[in-house]
Amino acid sequence: MKHAEMKTLKVGGDSQNVIVTLNRPEVRNAFNTEMIAELTAFFRGLDQETQLETVELAGDGKAFCAGGDLNWMKSMVDFSLEENRLDAMKLYEMFDAISNCPVPLLTRVHGHVMGGGLGLVACGDIVAAESQTQFCFSEVRIGLVPSVISAFVTRRMQASRYRRYMLTGEVFGADAALESGLVHFIGSQDRCEEFLNSQKTLIQNNGKAAVKDTKSLVDFIDQSPNDEKIKARAIEVISQRRVSVEGQEGLAAFLEKRRPSWQK
């Protein structure tokens, strides 16, 4: 896919250092079918970029990524179990493509990072967060499960941290994200940019092929030999949950802007 044809992403930088920006600021860069397809195609296509050394991922507007788009979530309400499986498969494949970026992926986050947005953060090799950034595994609040992203988040965060935040659905700040291992640096917008630029310089001072081989190796180690089983389980769990009574009630309550039946 040519960069000019993309509607949900902006691509800049140069042949060595590409910057890709989520470009749906009017909905806080929430995922929809088109963004999922474009992110998947973009990152899969990087294997052909022989001069590439780093990729930077950021979000335009007031938030990095608010998770699932409202209209995309509306479409799930009427999906069959099999349609949910196919939809979850596409989402998993997007995260997988990003996680397996052939060169170091540097991610800069700000504002709100909700739901699936944390999956994007977890795919980054080096992550900087602006000090006021807020994070939340919001899925359980509406009767769903952070299922697809769990395969990626659990490789980055401390187990005691992701267990707490996934089960409570509470909002946590940049300091907690740093302590958990999800991000590596926090500061102002300018300080985050300085940090990521310094990391790019360090990377560029290393052997280009060695960096790529190291990235490939650690990605392989991160992904257990049972990765296909993890993938299948993650897809099945979220698909079953979306069509469950509780999942349907949670989605309906979210879309109707009311409390779900289990909240007092």
Protein backbone atom coordinates (compact mmCIF):
# COMPACT_ATOMS: atom_id res chain seq x y z
CA MET A 1 0.00 0.00 0.00
CA LYS A 2 1.40 3.38 -0.99
CA HIS A 3 1.70 5.89 1.83
CA ALA A 4 -0.32 8.47 -0.11
CA GLU A 5 -3.26 6.07 -0.23
CA MET A 6 -3.49 5.73 3.55
CA LYS A 7 -6.39 7.52 5.21
CA THR A 8 -5.73 6.74 8.87
CA LEU A 9 -1.93 7.09 8.98
CA LYS A 10 0.58 9.81 8.18
CA VAL A 11 4.04 8.66 7.15
CA GLY A 12 7.07 10.93 7.27
CA GLY A 13 10.77 10.91 8.00
CA ASP A 14 13.18 9.50 5.46
CA SER A 15 14.39 6.18 4.05
CA GLN A 16 16.43 5.46 7.18
CA ASN A 17 14.12 6.74 9.91
CA VAL A 18 10.40 6.53 9.24
CA ILE A 19 7.80 8.24 11.41
CA VAL A 20 4.26 6.83 11.26
CA THR A 21 1.51 8.79 13.00
CA LEU A 22 -1.99 7.58 13.84
CA ASN A 23 -4.16 10.12 12.06
CA ARG A 24 -7.71 9.98 13.40
CA PRO A 25 -7.44 12.80 15.97
CA GLU A 26 -11.18 13.51 15.87
CA VAL A 27 -11.78 10.14 17.60
CA ARG A 28 -8.54 10.13 19.63
CA ASN A 29 -6.95 7.76 17.08
CA ALA A 30 -9.32 4.92 17.91
CA PHE A 31 -9.05 1.75 15.84
CA ASN A 32 -11.44 0.98 13.05
CA THR A 33 -11.32 -1.63 10.30
CA GLU A 34 -9.44 0.70 7.98
CA MET A 35 -6.76 1.64 10.51
CA ILE A 36 -6.23 -2.01 11.44
CA ALA A 37 -5.76 -2.91 7.75
CA GLU A 38 -3.44 0.03 7.09
CA LEU A 39 -1.23 -0.59 10.12
CA THR A 40 -0.96 -4.26 9.20
CA ALA A 41 -0.04 -3.49 5.58
CA PHE A 42 2.41 -0.74 6.55
CA PHE A 43 4.40 -2.83 9.02
CA ARG A 44 4.37 -5.95 6.85
CA GLY A 45 5.75 -3.87 3.98
CA LEU A 46 8.80 -2.73 5.96
CA ASP A 47 10.67 -5.95 5.11
CA GLN A 48 11.21 -4.43 1.65
CA GLU A 49 12.82 -1.24 3.01
CA THR A 50 16.52 -2.15 2.86
CA GLN A 51 17.82 1.25 4.07
CA LEU A 52 15.52 1.43 7.09
CA GLU A 53 17.12 1.73 10.54
CA THR A 54 14.30 2.80 12.88
CA VAL A 55 10.55 3.39 12.92
CA GLU A 56 8.83 5.85 15.24
CA LEU A 57 5.14 5.48 16.11
CA ALA A 58 3.09 8.39 17.50
CA GLY A 59 -0.46 9.71 17.56
CA ASP A 60 -1.85 12.99 16.25
CA GLY A 61 -4.09 15.21 18.36
CA LYS A 62 -4.88 15.06 22.07
CA ALA A 63 -4.42 11.32 22.62
CA PHE A 64 -2.15 8.53 21.42
CA CYS A 65 -4.93 5.95 21.04
CA ALA A 66 -8.31 5.50 22.71
CA GLY A 67 -8.70 1.82 21.78
CA GLY A 68 -11.70 0.70 19.72
CA ASP A 69 -13.67 3.12 17.56
CA LEU A 70 -17.32 3.56 18.54
CA ASN A 71 -18.70 2.59 15.12
CA TRP A 72 -16.35 -0.40 14.91
CA MET A 73 -17.63 -1.55 18.30
CA LYS A 74 -21.23 -1.02 17.17
CA SER A 75 -20.65 -3.44 14.30
CA MET A 76 -19.50 -6.14 16.75
CA VAL A 77 -22.84 -6.20 18.54
CA ASP A 78 -24.50 -8.04 15.67
CA PHE A 79 -21.49 -10.19 14.70
CA SER A 80 -21.85 -13.96 14.85
CA LEU A 81 -19.27 -15.98 16.77
CA GLU A 82 -17.44 -16.79 13.53
CA GLU A 83 -17.47 -13.16 12.42
CA ASN A 84 -15.99 -12.21 15.79
CA ARG A 85 -13.25 -14.80 15.30
CA LEU A 86 -12.34 -13.31 11.91
CA ASP A 87 -12.41 -9.77 13.32
CA ALA A 88 -10.21 -10.74 16.28
CA MET A 89 -7.82 -12.53 13.91
CA LYS A 90 -7.32 -9.31 11.93
CA LEU A 91 -6.66 -7.37 15.13
CA TYR A 92 -4.15 -9.96 16.34
CA GLU A 93 -2.39 -9.91 12.97
CA MET A 94 -2.04 -6.13 13.21
CA PHE A 95 -0.32 -6.31 16.59
CA ASP A 96 1.81 -9.21 15.37
CA ALA A 97 2.95 -7.23 12.31
CA ILE A 98 3.87 -4.24 14.50
CA SER A 99 5.61 -6.38 17.11
CA ASN A 100 7.70 -8.03 14.39
CA CYS A 101 8.85 -4.75 12.87
CA PRO A 102 12.23 -5.65 11.32
CA VAL A 103 14.00 -2.64 12.89
CA PRO A 104 13.72 -1.05 16.34
CA LEU A 105 10.31 0.51 16.94
CA LEU A 106 10.35 3.68 19.06
CA THR A 107 6.96 4.74 20.38
CA ARG A 108 5.91 8.12 21.79
CA VAL A 109 2.62 8.31 23.71
CA HIS A 110 0.59 11.11 25.25
CA GLY A 111 -2.88 11.94 26.47
CA HIS A 112 -4.94 8.79 26.85
CA VAL A 113 -3.90 5.23 26.03
CA MET A 114 -6.93 3.00 26.43
CA GLY A 115 -7.80 -0.62 25.70
CA GLY A 116 -6.14 -1.75 22.48
CA GLY A 117 -3.89 1.31 22.59
CA LEU A 118 -1.88 -0.47 25.27
CA GLY A 119 -1.29 -3.26 22.77
CA LEU A 120 0.39 -0.75 20.47
CA VAL A 121 2.56 0.47 23.34
CA ALA A 122 3.55 -3.09 24.21
CA CYS A 123 4.73 -3.69 20.65
CA GLY A 124 7.33 -0.92 20.94
CA ASP A 125 10.99 -1.70 21.64
CA ILE A 126 11.61 1.69 23.24
CA VAL A 127 8.71 3.75 24.61
CA ALA A 128 8.56 7.34 25.86
CA ALA A 129 5.44 8.70 27.57
CA GLU A 130 4.58 12.29 28.32
CA SER A 131 4.25 12.81 32.07
CA GLN A 132 0.48 13.34 32.13
CA THR A 133 -0.35 10.27 30.02
CA GLN A 134 -3.08 8.06 31.44
CA PHE A 135 -3.41 4.34 30.71
CA CYS A 136 -6.31 1.94 31.19
CA PHE A 137 -7.20 -1.66 30.34
CA SER A 138 -10.82 -0.61 30.00
CA GLU A 139 -12.22 -3.83 28.52
CA VAL A 140 -13.57 -5.38 31.75
CA ARG A 141 -15.58 -2.22 32.40
CA ILE A 142 -17.85 -3.11 29.49
CA GLY A 143 -17.88 -6.87 30.02
CA LEU A 144 -15.07 -7.71 27.60
CA VAL A 145 -11.53 -9.06 28.01
CA PRO A 146 -8.15 -7.55 26.99
CA SER A 147 -7.71 -10.81 25.16
CA VAL A 148 -5.91 -10.07 21.89
CA ILE A 149 -3.52 -7.53 23.42
CA SER A 150 -2.71 -9.81 26.37
CA ALA A 151 -0.30 -11.86 24.25
CA PHE A 152 1.75 -8.69 23.69
CA VAL A 153 1.27 -6.79 26.96
CA THR A 154 2.34 -9.73 29.11
CA ARG A 155 5.73 -9.75 27.36
CA ARG A 156 6.38 -6.20 28.52
CA MET A 157 4.70 -5.52 31.86
CA GLN A 158 5.46 -7.11 35.21
CA ALA A 159 2.94 -9.85 35.90
CA SER A 160 1.80 -8.39 39.21
CA ARG A 161 1.09 -5.07 37.47
CA TYR A 162 -0.83 -6.27 34.44
CA ARG A 163 -2.88 -8.65 36.59
CA ARG A 164 -3.99 -5.77 38.81
CA TYR A 165 -4.74 -3.29 36.02
CA MET A 166 -6.45 -5.79 33.72
CA LEU A 167 -8.71 -7.06 36.52
CA THR A 168 -9.64 -3.69 38.01
CA GLY A 169 -9.89 -1.60 34.84
CA GLU A 170 -8.46 1.30 36.83
CA VAL A 171 -6.66 4.24 35.27
CA PHE A 172 -2.92 4.41 35.98
CA GLY A 173 -0.39 7.08 35.22
CA ALA A 174 2.95 7.34 33.47
CA ASP A 175 4.92 6.70 36.68
CA ALA A 176 3.16 3.37 37.17
CA ALA A 177 3.64 2.50 33.50
CA LEU A 178 7.36 3.18 33.91
CA GLU A 179 7.60 1.03 37.04
CA SER A 180 5.75 -1.80 35.30
CA GLY A 181 8.16 -1.95 32.36
CA LEU A 182 5.55 -0.82 29.82
CA VAL A 183 7.42 2.43 29.10
CA HIS A 184 11.09 3.35 29.43
CA PHE A 185 11.06 7.13 29.85
CA ILE A 186 8.65 9.83 31.02
CA GLY A 187 8.90 13.59 30.64
CA SER A 188 7.61 16.61 28.75
CA GLN A 189 6.92 16.44 25.03
CA ASP A 190 10.30 18.01 24.29
CA ARG A 191 12.13 15.69 26.69
CA CYS A 192 10.43 12.65 25.15
CA GLU A 193 11.54 13.74 21.69
CA GLU A 194 15.09 14.31 22.97
CA PHE A 195 15.13 10.86 24.56
CA LEU A 196 13.90 9.10 21.43
CA ASN A 197 16.35 11.03 19.24
CA SER A 198 19.20 10.01 21.55
CA GLN A 199 18.08 6.38 21.29
CA LYS A 200 18.02 6.65 17.49
CA THR A 201 21.57 8.00 17.54
CA LEU A 202 22.74 5.10 19.69
CA ILE A 203 21.06 2.61 17.35
CA GLN A 204 22.57 4.25 14.26
CA ASN A 205 26.04 3.95 15.79
CA ASN A 206 25.68 0.17 15.86
CA GLY A 207 26.07 -2.37 13.09
CA LYS A 208 22.95 -2.13 10.92
CA ALA A 209 22.70 -5.86 10.24
CA ALA A 210 23.57 -6.67 13.85
CA VAL A 211 20.70 -4.51 15.11
CA LYS A 212 18.24 -6.19 12.74
CA ASP A 213 19.45 -9.67 13.71
CA THR A 214 19.27 -8.78 17.41
CA LYS A 215 15.73 -7.46 16.97
CA SER A 216 14.73 -10.64 15.16
CA LEU A 217 16.31 -12.82 17.84
CA VAL A 218 14.68 -11.12 20.82
CA ASP A 219 11.33 -11.14 19.00
CA PHE A 220 11.72 -14.89 18.51
CA ILE A 221 12.62 -15.43 22.17
CA ASP A 222 9.69 -13.28 23.30
CA GLN A 223 7.26 -15.40 21.32
CA SER A 224 6.99 -18.75 23.01
CA PRO A 225 7.01 -22.01 21.02
CA ASN A 226 3.31 -22.16 21.87
CA ASP A 227 2.61 -18.81 20.26
CA GLU A 228 -0.02 -20.31 17.92
CA LYS A 229 -1.84 -21.73 20.93
CA ILE A 230 -1.72 -18.33 22.64
CA LYS A 231 -3.03 -16.72 19.46
CA ALA A 232 -5.87 -19.24 19.11
CA ARG A 233 -6.86 -18.88 22.76
CA ALA A 234 -6.80 -15.07 22.64
CA ILE A 235 -8.98 -15.00 19.53
CA GLU A 236 -11.44 -17.53 20.95
CA VAL A 237 -11.77 -15.81 24.33
CA ILE A 238 -12.63 -12.39 22.92
CA SER A 239 -14.92 -13.86 20.27
CA GLN A 240 -16.92 -15.83 22.85
CA ARG A 241 -17.04 -12.79 25.15
CA ARG A 242 -18.38 -10.47 22.48
CA VAL A 243 -21.37 -12.74 21.85
CA SER A 244 -21.94 -13.57 25.52
CA VAL A 245 -24.87 -12.11 27.47
CA GLU A 246 -22.55 -10.03 29.60
CA GLY A 247 -20.47 -8.88 26.65
CA GLN A 248 -23.56 -7.84 24.71
CA GLU A 249 -24.93 -5.97 27.74
CA GLY A 250 -21.60 -4.23 28.27
CA LEU A 251 -21.32 -3.17 24.64
CA ALA A 252 -24.93 -1.99 24.60
CA ALA A 253 -24.42 0.04 27.78
CA PHE A 254 -21.25 1.59 26.37
CA LEU A 255 -22.93 2.53 23.11
CA GLU A 256 -26.05 3.84 24.89
CA LYS A 257 -23.90 5.80 27.36
CA ARG A 258 -25.42 4.14 30.43
CA ARG A 259 -24.11 1.91 33.19
CA PRO A 260 -24.11 -1.83 32.52
CA SER A 261 -26.49 -3.92 34.62
CA TRP A 262 -23.77 -5.12 37.01
CA GLN A 263 -22.72 -1.63 38.07
CA LYS A 264 -24.50 -0.08 41.04
